[in-house]
Protein backbone atom coordinates (compact mmCIF):
# COMPACT_ATOMS: atom_id res chain seq x y z
CA UNK A 1 -203.22 28.68 11.37
CA UNK A 2 -203.83 26.23 13.80
CA UNK A 3 -205.83 27.04 17.06
CA UNK A 4 -203.19 26.93 20.21
CA UNK A 5 -204.23 25.67 23.61
CA UNK A 6 -204.04 28.25 26.36
CA UNK A 7 -200.56 27.97 28.12
CA UNK A 8 -198.87 29.68 30.90
CA UNK A 9 -197.85 33.24 29.72
CA UNK A 10 -194.10 33.33 28.16
CA UNK A 11 -192.45 36.77 27.96
CA UNK A 12 -191.56 36.26 24.43
CA UNK A 13 -195.18 35.49 23.72
CA UNK A 14 -195.91 38.82 25.16
CA UNK A 15 -193.44 40.51 23.75
CA UNK A 16 -194.38 39.14 20.38
CA UNK A 17 -197.98 40.27 20.37
CA UNK A 18 -197.29 43.98 21.13
CA UNK A 19 -194.03 44.25 19.15
CA UNK A 20 -195.64 43.99 15.47
CA UNK A 21 -197.74 46.73 16.58
CA UNK A 22 -195.09 48.96 17.78
CA UNK A 23 -193.14 48.05 14.50
CA UNK A 24 -196.17 49.49 12.54
CA UNK A 25 -196.40 53.04 14.56
CA UNK A 26 -192.63 53.55 13.93
CA UNK A 27 -192.82 52.77 10.52
CA UNK A 28 -195.92 55.45 10.46
CA UNK A 29 -193.62 58.12 12.00
CA UNK A 30 -190.85 57.22 9.71
CA UNK A 31 -192.92 57.58 6.56
CA UNK A 32 -194.54 61.09 7.59
CA UNK A 33 -190.42 62.05 8.25
CA UNK A 34 -189.53 60.84 4.70
CA UNK A 35 -192.41 62.50 3.41
CA UNK A 36 -191.76 65.88 5.00
CA UNK A 37 -187.77 65.74 4.01
CA UNK A 38 -188.93 65.00 0.16
CA UNK A 39 -191.13 68.08 0.43
CA UNK A 40 -188.18 69.89 1.95
CA UNK A 41 -185.74 69.26 -0.43
CA UNK A 42 -188.21 69.42 -3.37
CA UNK A 43 -188.86 73.13 -2.41
CA UNK A 44 -185.76 74.17 -1.55
CA UNK A 45 -184.63 72.95 -5.03
CA UNK A 46 -187.57 74.57 -6.95
CA UNK A 47 -187.43 78.15 -5.18
CA UNK A 48 -183.97 79.31 -4.77
CA UNK A 49 -185.29 82.33 -2.61
CA UNK A 50 -186.61 79.95 -0.25
CA UNK A 51 -184.71 79.49 3.12
CA UNK A 52 -185.05 76.97 5.51
CA UNK A 53 -187.93 78.29 7.96
CA UNK A 54 -190.13 79.72 5.47
CA UNK A 55 -189.80 76.23 3.42
CA UNK A 56 -191.05 74.26 6.86
CA UNK A 57 -193.76 76.87 7.41
CA UNK A 58 -195.23 76.02 3.83
CA UNK A 59 -194.89 72.01 4.58
CA UNK A 60 -196.48 72.76 7.68
CA UNK A 61 -199.33 74.36 6.49
CA UNK A 62 -202.48 71.89 6.19
CA UNK A 63 -203.37 72.77 2.57
CA UNK A 64 -200.16 71.85 1.38
CA UNK A 65 -199.47 68.05 0.51
CA UNK A 66 -198.05 65.77 -2.49
CA UNK A 67 -200.50 63.20 -2.57
CA UNK A 68 -198.22 61.11 -5.40
CA UNK A 69 -195.54 61.10 -2.47
CA UNK A 70 -197.97 59.87 0.21
CA UNK A 71 -199.09 57.21 -2.19
CA UNK A 72 -196.03 55.85 -3.14
CA UNK A 73 -194.44 55.56 0.61
CA UNK A 74 -197.91 54.25 1.58
CA UNK A 75 -197.37 51.57 -0.98
CA UNK A 76 -193.69 51.15 -0.20
CA UNK A 77 -194.83 50.44 3.62
CA UNK A 78 -197.53 47.74 2.78
CA UNK A 79 -195.17 45.85 0.38
CA UNK A 80 -192.29 45.86 3.35
CA UNK A 81 -195.31 44.51 5.64
CA UNK A 82 -196.35 42.15 3.44
CA UNK A 83 -193.02 40.50 3.08
CA UNK A 84 -191.92 41.15 6.74
CA UNK A 85 -194.94 40.03 8.23
CA UNK A 86 -195.27 37.03 6.10
CA UNK A 87 -191.87 35.92 6.76
CA UNK A 88 -192.26 36.05 10.42
CA UNK A 89 -195.66 34.34 10.29
CA UNK A 90 -194.39 31.58 8.16
CA UNK A 91 -191.51 30.56 10.39
CA UNK A 92 -192.93 31.14 13.99
CA UNK A 93 -196.72 29.72 13.23
CA UNK A 94 -197.38 28.66 9.81
CA UNK A 95 -193.65 26.09 9.09
CA UNK A 96 -193.44 25.87 12.89
CA UNK A 97 -196.50 23.76 12.68
CA UNK A 98 -195.45 21.80 9.46
CA UNK A 99 -192.10 20.08 11.02
CA UNK A 100 -194.18 19.59 14.13
CA UNK A 101 -196.05 16.72 12.83
CA UNK A 102 -194.87 13.25 11.53
CA UNK A 103 -195.29 13.74 7.93
CA UNK A 104 -192.39 14.71 5.75
CA UNK A 105 -192.25 18.39 5.34
CA UNK A 106 -192.46 18.14 1.29
CA UNK A 107 -195.63 15.74 1.72
CA UNK A 108 -197.06 18.33 4.55
CA UNK A 109 -196.29 21.45 2.22
CA UNK A 110 -198.07 19.78 -0.90
CA UNK A 111 -200.97 18.79 1.23
CA UNK A 112 -201.04 22.24 2.86
CA UNK A 113 -201.36 23.95 -0.83
CA UNK A 114 -203.95 21.51 -1.66
CA UNK A 115 -205.66 22.58 1.29
CA UNK A 116 -205.50 26.36 0.14
CA UNK A 117 -206.48 25.79 -3.17
CA UNK A 118 -209.59 24.06 -2.28
CA UNK A 119 -210.53 26.74 0.68
CA UNK A 120 -209.77 29.66 -2.38
CA UNK A 121 -212.07 27.48 -4.64
CA UNK A 122 -215.02 26.33 -2.24
CA UNK A 123 -218.48 27.63 -1.75
CA UNK A 124 -217.30 29.36 1.11
CA UNK A 125 -215.26 32.26 -0.90
CA UNK A 126 -218.64 33.85 -2.42
CA UNK A 127 -220.37 33.90 0.39
CA UNK A 128 -217.12 35.73 2.07
CA UNK A 129 -217.25 38.15 -0.69
CA UNK A 130 -220.90 38.97 -0.44
CA UNK A 131 -220.26 39.85 3.29
CA UNK A 132 -217.47 41.97 2.79
CA UNK A 133 -219.94 44.13 0.27
CA UNK A 134 -222.59 44.07 2.93
CA UNK A 135 -220.32 45.28 5.69
CA UNK A 136 -218.96 48.06 3.89
CA UNK A 137 -222.84 49.04 3.33
CA UNK A 138 -223.59 48.58 6.69
CA UNK A 139 -220.42 50.49 8.02
CA UNK A 140 -221.77 53.75 5.57
CA UNK A 141 -224.64 53.55 6.64
CA UNK A 142 -224.23 53.37 10.33
CA UNK A 143 -221.45 56.48 9.63
CA UNK A 144 -224.25 58.26 8.25
CA UNK A 145 -226.82 57.78 10.66
CA UNK A 146 -224.42 58.32 13.41
CA UNK A 147 -222.62 61.32 12.46
CA UNK A 148 -225.36 63.90 13.25
CA UNK A 149 -225.20 63.08 17.18
CA UNK A 150 -221.29 63.87 16.83
CA UNK A 151 -220.74 66.67 14.48
CA UNK A 152 -217.74 68.01 15.75
CA UNK A 153 -215.90 64.22 15.88
CA UNK A 154 -217.28 63.93 12.33
CA UNK A 155 -216.52 67.20 10.94
CA UNK A 156 -212.84 66.26 11.50
CA UNK A 157 -213.04 62.78 10.08
CA UNK A 158 -214.96 63.77 6.72
CA UNK A 159 -212.12 66.43 6.90
CA UNK A 160 -209.46 64.18 6.63
CA UNK A 161 -211.36 62.01 4.33
CA UNK A 162 -211.59 64.65 1.87
CA UNK A 163 -208.07 65.62 2.09
CA UNK A 164 -207.17 61.96 1.31
CA UNK A 165 -209.22 61.69 -2.09
CA UNK A 166 -206.49 62.58 -4.07
CA UNK A 167 -204.24 59.99 -2.38
CA UNK A 168 -206.86 57.21 -2.37
CA UNK A 169 -207.54 57.62 -5.87
CA UNK A 170 -204.03 57.25 -6.89
CA UNK A 171 -203.01 53.72 -8.49
CA UNK A 172 -200.04 53.45 -6.16
CA UNK A 173 -202.70 53.60 -3.27
CA UNK A 174 -205.06 51.82 -4.87
CA UNK A 175 -202.81 48.91 -5.34
CA UNK A 176 -201.80 49.15 -1.41
CA UNK A 177 -205.44 49.12 -0.40
CA UNK A 178 -207.54 47.18 -2.36
CA UNK A 179 -204.44 44.74 -3.25
CA UNK A 180 -201.81 44.32 -1.04
CA UNK A 181 -203.52 45.54 2.44
CA UNK A 182 -206.05 42.45 2.66
CA UNK A 183 -203.15 39.90 2.78
CA UNK A 184 -200.58 42.17 4.61
CA UNK A 185 -202.89 43.27 7.91
CA UNK A 186 -204.17 39.84 7.78
CA UNK A 187 -200.83 38.40 8.47
CA UNK A 188 -200.29 41.49 10.66
CA UNK A 189 -203.01 41.57 12.79
CA UNK A 190 -204.75 38.00 12.67
CA UNK A 191 -201.29 36.18 11.98
CA UNK A 192 -198.48 37.29 13.95
CA UNK A 193 -200.35 39.29 16.63
CA UNK A 194 -203.38 37.20 17.36
CA UNK A 195 -201.04 33.95 16.83
CA UNK A 196 -198.72 34.95 19.68
CA UNK A 197 -202.16 36.28 21.66
CA UNK A 198 -203.36 32.77 21.46
CA UNK A 199 -200.39 31.05 23.04
CA UNK A 200 -201.57 32.75 26.28
CA UNK A 201 -205.42 34.14 26.13
CA UNK A 202 -208.08 32.22 25.53
CA UNK A 203 -209.31 32.57 21.83
CA UNK A 204 -211.82 35.18 22.77
CA UNK A 205 -209.45 37.50 24.19
CA UNK A 206 -207.08 37.23 21.72
CA UNK A 207 -209.46 38.09 18.66
CA UNK A 208 -210.62 41.18 20.98
CA UNK A 209 -206.84 41.95 21.73
CA UNK A 210 -205.58 42.05 17.98
CA UNK A 211 -209.23 43.88 17.34
CA UNK A 212 -208.26 46.82 19.39
CA UNK A 213 -204.66 47.07 18.17
CA UNK A 214 -206.03 46.81 14.56
CA UNK A 215 -208.62 49.95 15.27
CA UNK A 216 -205.46 51.79 17.25
CA UNK A 217 -203.19 51.51 14.00
CA UNK A 218 -205.83 53.45 11.97
CA UNK A 219 -205.29 56.62 14.20
CA UNK A 220 -208.56 58.39 14.62
CA UNK A 221 -211.60 57.91 16.70
CA UNK A 222 -214.11 57.53 14.13
CA UNK A 223 -212.31 55.05 12.14
CA UNK A 224 -210.42 53.44 14.79
CA UNK A 225 -213.36 52.37 16.55
CA UNK A 226 -215.48 50.70 13.48
CA UNK A 227 -211.84 49.12 12.38
CA UNK A 228 -211.77 47.64 15.93
CA UNK A 229 -214.95 45.67 15.42
CA UNK A 230 -214.14 44.57 11.71
CA UNK A 231 -210.74 43.67 13.03
CA UNK A 232 -212.93 41.26 15.92
CA UNK A 233 -215.10 40.16 13.00
CA UNK A 234 -212.12 39.08 10.67
CA UNK A 235 -210.42 37.58 13.50
CA UNK A 236 -213.53 35.44 14.70
CA UNK A 237 -213.84 34.52 10.80
CA UNK A 238 -210.10 33.22 10.78
CA UNK A 239 -210.27 31.44 14.17
CA UNK A 240 -213.29 29.59 12.88
CA UNK A 241 -212.18 29.02 9.37
CA UNK A 242 -208.83 27.80 10.76
CA UNK A 243 -207.01 29.69 7.66
CA UNK A 244 -206.11 33.20 7.25
CA UNK A 245 -207.55 32.76 3.75
CA UNK A 246 -211.01 33.75 4.82
CA UNK A 247 -209.96 36.56 6.77
CA UNK A 248 -208.05 37.94 3.44
CA UNK A 249 -210.90 37.18 1.04
CA UNK A 250 -213.32 38.81 3.40
CA UNK A 251 -211.31 41.92 4.13
CA UNK A 252 -210.32 42.34 0.37
CA UNK A 253 -214.13 42.40 -0.49
CA UNK A 254 -214.50 44.96 2.47
CA UNK A 255 -211.85 47.09 0.97
CA UNK A 256 -212.70 46.68 -2.85
CA UNK A 257 -216.53 47.31 -2.40
CA UNK A 258 -215.76 51.12 -1.42
CA UNK A 259 -215.44 51.22 -4.93
CA UNK A 260 -218.84 50.31 -6.24
CA UNK A 261 -221.54 51.45 -3.31
CA UNK A 262 -223.14 54.90 -4.34
CA UNK A 263 -223.42 57.29 -1.42
CA UNK A 264 -226.56 58.48 -3.15
CA UNK A 265 -228.19 55.62 -0.94
CA UNK A 266 -227.47 57.20 2.34
CA UNK A 267 -228.86 60.23 1.54
CA UNK A 268 -232.41 60.13 2.99
CA UNK A 269 -232.50 58.90 6.68
CA UNK A 270 -235.30 56.79 6.48
CA UNK A 271 -233.69 55.06 3.36
CA UNK A 272 -230.39 54.92 4.88
CA UNK A 273 -231.84 52.95 8.07
CA UNK A 274 -233.29 50.44 5.88
CA UNK A 275 -230.78 49.78 3.98
CA UNK A 276 -228.31 49.60 6.94
CA UNK A 277 -230.62 47.36 8.42
CA UNK A 278 -230.61 45.15 5.34
CA UNK A 279 -226.91 45.11 5.44
CA UNK A 280 -226.55 43.78 8.79
CA UNK A 281 -229.08 41.08 8.25
CA UNK A 282 -227.20 40.03 5.14
CA UNK A 283 -223.64 40.20 6.66
CA UNK A 284 -224.90 37.68 9.78
CA UNK A 285 -226.44 35.74 7.05
CA UNK A 286 -223.35 35.55 4.57
CA UNK A 287 -221.10 34.76 7.54
CA UNK A 288 -222.84 32.16 9.28
CA UNK A 289 -222.83 30.25 5.48
CA UNK A 290 -219.46 31.21 5.28
CA UNK A 291 -218.79 29.47 8.97
CA UNK A 292 -221.02 26.76 8.76
CA UNK A 293 -219.52 23.16 8.38
CA UNK A 294 -221.16 20.79 6.44
CA UNK A 295 -221.92 18.04 8.50
CA UNK A 296 -220.40 14.63 7.30
CA UNK A 297 -222.44 12.01 6.24
CA UNK A 298 -222.30 8.70 8.27
CA UNK A 299 -221.80 5.61 6.07
CA UNK A 300 -222.89 2.69 6.99
CA UNK A 301 -221.47 -0.78 5.63
CA UNK A 302 -224.18 -3.60 5.05
């Protein structure tokens, strides 16, 4: 991931910064259609007395769902996103930067692979992992503190969460959420979308732009707001570190830490506030430690 100087806006760059998001939205509708079609034909085959009208009515009931169908479809979606946006990012941004240098393609590729290995194994990685845990604790705490102020909005949100519990605990969904999504979504938003946006926007606006689209992608107002903020943070990390690996590691830690944070921490308001404030301080500290640059010592020869 390289930092681009702002250039006059080109139509292909503007289209490129919006196209991935439109593709993702279309994919959501396609997956929902496939899910409904699977339920329709499955129900028709299992009950010979059912007609198409009764079957559709049953499927449209809010309490009628097939978690495993949804889990496998989401897994397929994330795999497709990982492959498609990975190839897209590699061809337009990664490989393009390699071939534009004076070094040979083979030598430059070896150098980049060495940099990737050193980045993953660097002291930065533990701080990013710890920052992800602190961020998730902070988000959970804020949601618990704010929810009494907007009971109707959060009632709808928690209803969606409760219905998704069966899906989220399914193995295919866990693979999609904790293994594939951190890499696919980073290639998607911080790689392709922010890569195009940086060509005609200042970095701060490009980070905000992809963060807003990241929030809209999550599809509901509560999750959309905090996803937008997290998207901006991930964009900042990717930009400052000058590599998507940093935001991938942070994203992975945020998603995975959901499994290990006990809800009992947030049951009392005072304790919840203290834990949330502490998590905020730790988030700032760990992100700063991960992003700081070591000052190179000047060696003077006598």
